[in-house]
């Protein structure tokens, strides 16, 4: 479905915002992965040095960031295909429930 001219500016702004958020989330996710690898390398079972809780929290955060990235990617795809985020809109392209 083609987008209406009055919405194209706001849609392109929304896409640009989502892409910026994706870039930010990707950087944060990569930092989490790097930090997890550092913590795993720093563990020493013989000396009793463990980082299990911090590794768990970082891995959980990494998963959250991946979901945020996927959510923004899906939003961009919906906008580009002409689907509205408004469930009651006539061009919603889905079921009304």
N, C-alpha and C. Protein backbone atom coordinates (compact mmCIF):
# COMPACT_ATOMS: atom_id res chain seq x y z
N UNK A 1 0.84 -1.17 0.00
CA UNK A 1 0.00 0.00 0.00
C UNK A 1 0.89 1.24 0.00
N UNK A 2 0.68 2.14 -0.92
CA UNK A 2 1.50 3.34 -0.94
C UNK A 2 1.13 4.26 0.21
N UNK A 3 2.12 4.96 0.72
CA UNK A 3 1.86 5.85 1.84
C UNK A 3 1.32 7.18 1.34
N UNK A 4 0.58 7.84 2.16
CA UNK A 4 0.03 9.15 1.82
C UNK A 4 1.14 10.18 1.90
N UNK A 5 1.11 11.23 1.04
CA UNK A 5 2.18 12.22 1.01
C UNK A 5 2.38 12.93 2.35
N UNK A 6 1.30 13.22 3.07
CA UNK A 6 1.44 13.94 4.34
C UNK A 6 2.10 13.07 5.41
N UNK A 7 2.04 11.77 5.25
CA UNK A 7 2.64 10.87 6.23
C UNK A 7 4.07 10.49 5.88
N UNK A 8 4.50 10.72 4.64
CA UNK A 8 5.82 10.26 4.22
C UNK A 8 6.94 10.93 5.01
N UNK A 9 6.78 12.22 5.35
CA UNK A 9 7.82 12.90 6.13
C UNK A 9 7.90 12.32 7.53
N UNK A 10 6.75 12.13 8.16
CA UNK A 10 6.78 11.57 9.52
C UNK A 10 7.24 10.12 9.51
N UNK A 11 6.90 9.39 8.46
CA UNK A 11 7.35 8.00 8.35
C UNK A 11 8.86 7.94 8.17
N UNK A 12 9.41 8.82 7.34
CA UNK A 12 10.86 8.81 7.15
C UNK A 12 11.58 9.23 8.42
N UNK A 13 10.99 10.14 9.19
CA UNK A 13 11.56 10.54 10.48
C UNK A 13 11.53 9.37 11.46
N UNK A 14 10.43 8.64 11.46
CA UNK A 14 10.29 7.48 12.34
C UNK A 14 11.31 6.41 11.96
N UNK A 15 11.48 6.17 10.67
CA UNK A 15 12.46 5.18 10.22
C UNK A 15 13.87 5.60 10.62
N UNK A 16 14.19 6.89 10.44
CA UNK A 16 15.52 7.39 10.82
C UNK A 16 15.75 7.23 12.32
N UNK A 17 14.72 7.52 13.12
CA UNK A 17 14.83 7.36 14.57
C UNK A 17 15.04 5.90 14.94
N UNK A 18 14.28 5.02 14.31
CA UNK A 18 14.43 3.58 14.60
C UNK A 18 15.82 3.08 14.21
N UNK A 19 16.33 3.55 13.08
CA UNK A 19 17.66 3.13 12.65
C UNK A 19 18.73 3.62 13.61
N UNK A 20 18.57 4.84 14.14
CA UNK A 20 19.51 5.35 15.14
C UNK A 20 19.45 4.53 16.42
N UNK A 21 18.23 4.16 16.83
CA UNK A 21 18.07 3.33 18.03
C UNK A 21 18.69 1.95 17.81
N UNK A 22 18.51 1.40 16.61
CA UNK A 22 19.11 0.09 16.30
C UNK A 22 20.62 0.17 16.40
N UNK A 23 21.21 1.24 15.89
CA UNK A 23 22.66 1.40 15.96
C UNK A 23 23.13 1.49 17.41
N UNK A 24 22.39 2.22 18.23
CA UNK A 24 22.73 2.35 19.64
C UNK A 24 22.61 1.00 20.37
N UNK A 25 21.50 0.30 20.13
CA UNK A 25 21.31 -0.99 20.76
C UNK A 25 22.35 -2.01 20.31
N UNK A 26 22.75 -1.94 19.04
CA UNK A 26 23.76 -2.86 18.53
C UNK A 26 25.10 -2.62 19.22
N UNK A 27 25.45 -1.36 19.42
CA UNK A 27 26.69 -1.03 20.13
C UNK A 27 26.64 -1.55 21.56
N UNK A 28 25.51 -1.33 22.23
CA UNK A 28 25.36 -1.81 23.61
C UNK A 28 25.43 -3.33 23.67
N UNK A 29 24.80 -4.00 22.72
CA UNK A 29 24.83 -5.47 22.68
C UNK A 29 26.25 -5.98 22.48
N UNK A 30 26.98 -5.34 21.57
CA UNK A 30 28.36 -5.74 21.32
C UNK A 30 29.24 -5.52 22.55
N UNK A 31 28.97 -4.45 23.30
CA UNK A 31 29.70 -4.21 24.54
C UNK A 31 29.41 -5.30 25.57
N UNK A 32 28.15 -5.75 25.63
CA UNK A 32 27.78 -6.83 26.55
C UNK A 32 28.52 -8.12 26.19
N UNK A 33 28.56 -8.43 24.91
CA UNK A 33 29.24 -9.65 24.46
C UNK A 33 30.72 -9.58 24.79
N UNK A 34 31.33 -8.42 24.53
CA UNK A 34 32.77 -8.25 24.82
C UNK A 34 33.03 -8.41 26.32
N UNK A 35 32.18 -7.80 27.15
CA UNK A 35 32.37 -7.87 28.60
C UNK A 35 32.18 -9.30 29.12
N UNK A 36 31.21 -10.03 28.58
CA UNK A 36 30.99 -11.43 28.98
C UNK A 36 32.24 -12.24 28.68
N UNK A 37 32.80 -12.05 27.49
CA UNK A 37 34.01 -12.79 27.12
C UNK A 37 35.17 -12.47 28.06
N UNK A 38 35.29 -11.19 28.43
CA UNK A 38 36.35 -10.79 29.37
C UNK A 38 36.15 -11.46 30.73
N UNK A 39 34.91 -11.47 31.21
CA UNK A 39 34.63 -12.07 32.51
C UNK A 39 34.86 -13.58 32.50
N UNK A 40 34.47 -14.24 31.43
CA UNK A 40 34.69 -15.68 31.34
C UNK A 40 36.19 -15.98 31.34
N UNK A 41 36.95 -15.16 30.62
CA UNK A 41 38.40 -15.36 30.57
C UNK A 41 39.05 -15.08 31.92
N UNK A 42 38.45 -14.19 32.71
CA UNK A 42 39.04 -13.81 34.00
C UNK A 42 38.69 -14.79 35.12
N UNK A 43 37.74 -15.68 34.90
CA UNK A 43 37.38 -16.64 35.93
C UNK A 43 38.51 -17.64 36.16
N UNK A 44 38.67 -17.99 37.43
CA UNK A 44 39.69 -18.98 37.79
C UNK A 44 39.08 -19.86 38.88
N UNK A 45 38.68 -21.05 38.50
CA UNK A 45 38.02 -21.95 39.44
C UNK A 45 38.95 -22.37 40.57
N UNK A 46 40.21 -22.55 40.26
CA UNK A 46 41.17 -22.98 41.28
C UNK A 46 41.32 -21.93 42.38
N UNK A 47 41.24 -20.67 42.02
CA UNK A 47 41.38 -19.58 42.99
C UNK A 47 40.03 -19.11 43.53
N UNK A 48 38.96 -19.69 43.03
CA UNK A 48 37.63 -19.32 43.52
C UNK A 48 37.13 -18.00 42.95
N UNK A 49 37.60 -17.62 41.77
CA UNK A 49 37.16 -16.38 41.15
C UNK A 49 36.08 -16.71 40.13
N UNK A 50 34.86 -16.28 40.46
CA UNK A 50 33.71 -16.55 39.60
C UNK A 50 32.97 -15.24 39.34
N UNK A 51 32.39 -15.12 38.17
CA UNK A 51 31.62 -13.93 37.79
C UNK A 51 30.25 -14.34 37.25
N UNK A 52 29.70 -15.38 37.81
CA UNK A 52 28.46 -15.97 37.28
C UNK A 52 27.30 -14.98 37.26
N UNK A 53 27.12 -14.24 38.36
CA UNK A 53 25.98 -13.33 38.42
C UNK A 53 26.11 -12.21 37.39
N UNK A 54 27.30 -11.62 37.29
CA UNK A 54 27.49 -10.53 36.33
C UNK A 54 27.36 -11.04 34.89
N UNK A 55 27.87 -12.24 34.63
CA UNK A 55 27.75 -12.83 33.30
C UNK A 55 26.28 -13.07 32.98
N UNK A 56 25.54 -13.59 33.93
CA UNK A 56 24.11 -13.84 33.73
C UNK A 56 23.37 -12.55 33.41
N UNK A 57 23.64 -11.49 34.19
CA UNK A 57 22.97 -10.22 33.98
C UNK A 57 23.32 -9.61 32.62
N UNK A 58 24.56 -9.74 32.22
CA UNK A 58 24.97 -9.23 30.91
C UNK A 58 24.33 -10.02 29.77
N UNK A 59 24.24 -11.33 29.93
CA UNK A 59 23.60 -12.15 28.90
C UNK A 59 22.10 -11.83 28.80
N UNK A 60 21.49 -11.59 29.93
CA UNK A 60 20.07 -11.21 29.93
C UNK A 60 19.89 -9.86 29.24
N UNK A 61 20.79 -8.93 29.52
CA UNK A 61 20.73 -7.62 28.89
C UNK A 61 20.96 -7.73 27.38
N UNK A 62 21.86 -8.61 26.98
CA UNK A 62 22.12 -8.84 25.55
C UNK A 62 20.86 -9.34 24.86
N UNK A 63 20.16 -10.26 25.48
CA UNK A 63 18.91 -10.77 24.91
C UNK A 63 17.85 -9.68 24.81
N UNK A 64 17.77 -8.83 25.83
CA UNK A 64 16.81 -7.72 25.80
C UNK A 64 17.13 -6.78 24.65
N UNK A 65 18.42 -6.48 24.47
CA UNK A 65 18.83 -5.60 23.38
C UNK A 65 18.52 -6.21 22.02
N UNK A 66 18.69 -7.51 21.89
CA UNK A 66 18.36 -8.18 20.63
C UNK A 66 16.86 -8.08 20.33
N UNK A 67 16.03 -8.17 21.36
CA UNK A 67 14.59 -8.03 21.17
C UNK A 67 14.26 -6.59 20.76
N UNK A 68 14.90 -5.61 21.38
CA UNK A 68 14.68 -4.21 21.01
C UNK A 68 15.08 -3.97 19.55
N UNK A 69 16.21 -4.54 19.14
CA UNK A 69 16.67 -4.40 17.75
C UNK A 69 15.64 -5.02 16.80
N UNK A 70 15.16 -6.20 17.13
CA UNK A 70 14.17 -6.87 16.28
C UNK A 70 12.86 -6.10 16.23
N UNK A 71 12.46 -5.53 17.37
CA UNK A 71 11.23 -4.74 17.42
C UNK A 71 11.34 -3.54 16.49
N UNK A 72 12.48 -2.83 16.53
CA UNK A 72 12.67 -1.65 15.66
C UNK A 72 12.75 -2.06 14.19
N UNK A 73 13.39 -3.18 13.91
CA UNK A 73 13.49 -3.67 12.53
C UNK A 73 12.10 -4.00 12.00
N UNK A 74 11.29 -4.66 12.80
CA UNK A 74 9.92 -4.99 12.39
C UNK A 74 9.09 -3.72 12.17
N UNK A 75 9.29 -2.72 13.02
CA UNK A 75 8.56 -1.46 12.87
C UNK A 75 8.92 -0.78 11.55
N UNK A 76 10.21 -0.77 11.21
CA UNK A 76 10.66 -0.19 9.95
C UNK A 76 10.02 -0.94 8.78
N UNK A 77 10.02 -2.26 8.86
CA UNK A 77 9.42 -3.07 7.79
C UNK A 77 7.93 -2.80 7.63
N UNK A 78 7.22 -2.65 8.75
CA UNK A 78 5.79 -2.35 8.67
C UNK A 78 5.55 -0.99 8.02
N UNK A 79 6.37 -0.01 8.37
CA UNK A 79 6.21 1.33 7.79
C UNK A 79 6.49 1.28 6.29
N UNK A 80 7.55 0.60 5.90
CA UNK A 80 7.92 0.53 4.48
C UNK A 80 6.88 -0.22 3.65
N UNK A 81 6.20 -1.17 4.27
CA UNK A 81 5.17 -1.92 3.55
C UNK A 81 3.82 -1.22 3.59
N UNK A 82 3.72 -0.14 4.35
CA UNK A 82 2.50 0.65 4.38
C UNK A 82 1.50 0.25 5.43
N UNK A 83 1.89 -0.59 6.37
CA UNK A 83 0.98 -0.97 7.45
C UNK A 83 1.04 0.06 8.54
N UNK A 84 -0.11 0.35 9.11
CA UNK A 84 -0.19 1.33 10.19
C UNK A 84 0.02 0.63 11.53
N UNK A 85 0.56 1.37 12.50
CA UNK A 85 0.68 0.83 13.86
C UNK A 85 -0.65 0.91 14.60
N UNK A 86 -1.58 1.65 14.04
CA UNK A 86 -2.88 1.85 14.65
C UNK A 86 -3.77 0.64 14.37
N UNK A 87 -4.16 -0.09 15.40
CA UNK A 87 -4.95 -1.31 15.20
C UNK A 87 -6.31 -1.02 14.59
N UNK A 88 -6.89 0.12 14.87
CA UNK A 88 -8.21 0.45 14.36
C UNK A 88 -8.18 1.13 13.01
N UNK A 89 -7.03 1.41 12.47
CA UNK A 89 -6.92 2.11 11.19
C UNK A 89 -7.36 1.20 10.07
N UNK A 90 -7.97 1.76 9.02
CA UNK A 90 -8.43 0.92 7.93
C UNK A 90 -7.31 0.24 7.16
N UNK A 91 -6.11 0.81 7.17
CA UNK A 91 -4.99 0.22 6.44
C UNK A 91 -4.09 -0.61 7.35
N UNK A 92 -4.65 -1.08 8.47
CA UNK A 92 -3.85 -1.85 9.44
C UNK A 92 -3.34 -3.14 8.85
N UNK A 93 -4.04 -3.71 7.88
CA UNK A 93 -3.57 -4.89 7.20
C UNK A 93 -3.67 -6.16 8.02
N UNK A 94 -4.35 -6.13 9.12
CA UNK A 94 -4.46 -7.31 9.96
C UNK A 94 -5.87 -7.49 10.46
N UNK A 95 -6.02 -8.38 11.38
CA UNK A 95 -7.33 -8.62 11.96
C UNK A 95 -7.65 -7.52 12.97
N UNK A 96 -8.91 -7.18 13.14
CA UNK A 96 -9.28 -6.09 14.05
C UNK A 96 -9.25 -6.49 15.52
N UNK A 97 -8.88 -7.71 15.83
CA UNK A 97 -8.86 -8.13 17.23
C UNK A 97 -7.50 -8.50 17.68
